Amino acid sequence: MTPALATPRIRIPRTAKPGEAIEIRTLIEHPMESGIRGGREGAAARDMLTRMQVRLDGQVILAAELGNGTSANPYHVFHVRLERSGEFEFLWTDERGRIARATARVTVG
């Protein structure tokens, strides 16, 4: 049985003013092992996240392809300008097809 991906951590404000740009921070614990590092016992097994996607009310607002240059425990910070309340969905996918998911709601008013 393949272990599940770690639970992502999201820092996002719960409220915003109309037209305000909010800062969103995401972190997921993951080794991001490329499989090319060698050691006494040989190379570690490859284990990489391949994609991060953020949706707002079902619409993709950010999509990132992750690869060998991505550090362990990927941390991303980005800004989104909101005009109305909405539900964010954050998805990370690895090479084996496993998905880590988190959601958050921001109320604009």
Protein backbone atom coordinates (compact mmCIF):
# COMPACT_ATOMS: atom_id res chain seq x y z
CA MET A 1 0.00 0.00 0.00
CA THR A 2 1.35 3.43 -0.97
CA PRO A 3 1.38 5.95 1.88
CA ALA A 4 -0.83 9.01 1.52
CA LEU A 5 0.57 12.45 0.81
CA ALA A 6 1.05 14.76 3.77
CA THR A 7 -1.71 17.16 4.78
CA PRO A 8 -1.01 20.56 3.21
CA ARG A 9 -0.88 23.72 5.30
CA ILE A 10 -2.61 26.84 4.00
CA ARG A 11 -2.44 30.35 5.42
CA ILE A 12 -5.22 32.49 3.97
CA PRO A 13 -7.29 35.29 5.49
CA ARG A 14 -10.89 34.42 6.34
CA THR A 15 -12.19 37.85 5.29
CA ALA A 16 -11.28 40.51 2.73
CA LYS A 17 -12.61 43.82 1.46
CA PRO A 18 -13.98 44.04 -2.10
CA GLY A 19 -11.08 44.54 -4.53
CA GLU A 20 -8.48 43.66 -1.91
CA ALA A 21 -5.50 41.51 -2.89
CA ILE A 22 -4.98 38.81 -0.29
CA GLU A 23 -1.79 36.86 0.33
CA ILE A 24 -1.99 33.07 0.28
CA ARG A 25 0.78 30.83 1.60
CA THR A 26 0.93 27.08 1.03
CA LEU A 27 3.28 24.40 2.33
CA ILE A 28 3.25 20.65 1.83
CA GLU A 29 5.75 18.32 3.44
CA HIS A 30 7.27 16.18 0.72
CA PRO A 31 10.84 14.94 0.10
CA MET A 32 10.83 15.82 -3.63
CA GLU A 33 13.42 13.09 -4.20
CA SER A 34 14.62 13.05 -7.82
CA GLY A 35 16.19 9.60 -7.57
CA ILE A 36 19.54 10.79 -8.98
CA ARG A 37 21.28 11.50 -5.69
CA GLY A 38 23.69 8.73 -4.84
CA GLY A 39 25.03 7.51 -1.55
CA ARG A 40 26.67 4.49 0.01
CA GLU A 41 23.57 2.41 -0.55
CA GLY A 42 22.79 3.76 -4.02
CA ALA A 43 20.26 6.29 -5.24
CA ALA A 44 17.11 6.99 -3.25
CA ALA A 45 13.82 6.03 -4.87
CA ARG A 46 12.26 8.73 -7.01
CA ASP A 47 9.34 10.50 -5.27
CA MET A 48 8.22 13.81 -6.81
CA LEU A 49 5.18 16.06 -6.78
CA THR A 50 4.38 16.96 -10.37
CA ARG A 51 1.62 19.55 -10.15
CA MET A 52 0.04 22.14 -7.90
CA GLN A 53 -3.32 23.66 -8.81
CA VAL A 54 -5.46 26.29 -7.10
CA ARG A 55 -9.12 26.78 -7.95
CA LEU A 56 -11.50 29.52 -6.87
CA ASP A 57 -15.14 28.44 -7.07
CA GLY A 58 -14.11 25.67 -9.47
CA GLN A 59 -12.13 27.91 -11.84
CA VAL A 60 -8.36 27.33 -12.08
CA ILE A 61 -6.53 30.49 -10.98
CA LEU A 62 -3.02 29.01 -10.64
CA ALA A 63 -1.43 25.90 -12.12
CA ALA A 64 2.22 24.99 -11.60
CA GLU A 65 4.23 22.10 -13.00
CA LEU A 66 6.77 20.93 -10.42
CA GLY A 67 10.01 19.17 -11.32
CA ASN A 68 13.56 18.32 -10.32
CA GLY A 69 14.35 21.95 -9.41
CA THR A 70 11.61 22.10 -6.78
CA SER A 71 12.90 21.97 -3.22
CA ALA A 72 11.75 19.56 -0.57
CA ASN A 73 8.62 20.71 1.29
CA PRO A 74 7.45 23.10 -1.46
CA TYR A 75 6.35 26.50 -0.14
CA HIS A 76 4.44 28.90 -2.40
CA VAL A 77 3.24 32.46 -1.80
CA PHE A 78 0.92 34.28 -4.19
CA HIS A 79 -1.71 37.02 -4.20
CA VAL A 80 -5.30 37.01 -5.42
CA ARG A 81 -7.58 40.03 -5.81
CA LEU A 82 -11.12 39.22 -4.68
CA GLU A 83 -14.35 40.96 -5.62
CA ARG A 84 -16.70 38.43 -4.00
CA SER A 85 -16.66 35.63 -1.45
CA GLY A 86 -15.41 32.27 -2.67
CA GLU A 87 -14.19 28.77 -1.94
CA PHE A 88 -10.54 27.96 -2.67
CA GLU A 89 -9.40 24.43 -3.45
CA PHE A 90 -5.70 23.52 -3.40
CA LEU A 91 -4.48 20.31 -5.08
CA TRP A 92 -1.05 18.68 -5.27
CA THR A 93 -0.50 15.61 -7.44
CA ASP A 94 2.51 13.27 -7.39
CA GLU A 95 3.94 10.93 -10.02
CA ARG A 96 1.91 8.01 -8.70
CA GLY A 97 -1.36 9.90 -9.10
CA ARG A 98 -1.88 10.51 -5.37
CA ILE A 99 -3.57 13.82 -4.55
CA ALA A 100 -3.32 16.03 -1.48
CA ARG A 101 -6.23 18.46 -1.10
CA ALA A 102 -7.10 21.43 1.09
CA THR A 103 -9.94 23.93 0.99
CA ALA A 104 -10.52 27.37 2.46
CA ARG A 105 -13.31 29.95 2.25
CA VAL A 106 -12.79 33.72 2.10
CA THR A 107 -15.72 36.01 2.83
CA VAL A 108 -15.66 39.39 1.07
CA GLY A 109 -17.69 42.16 2.60
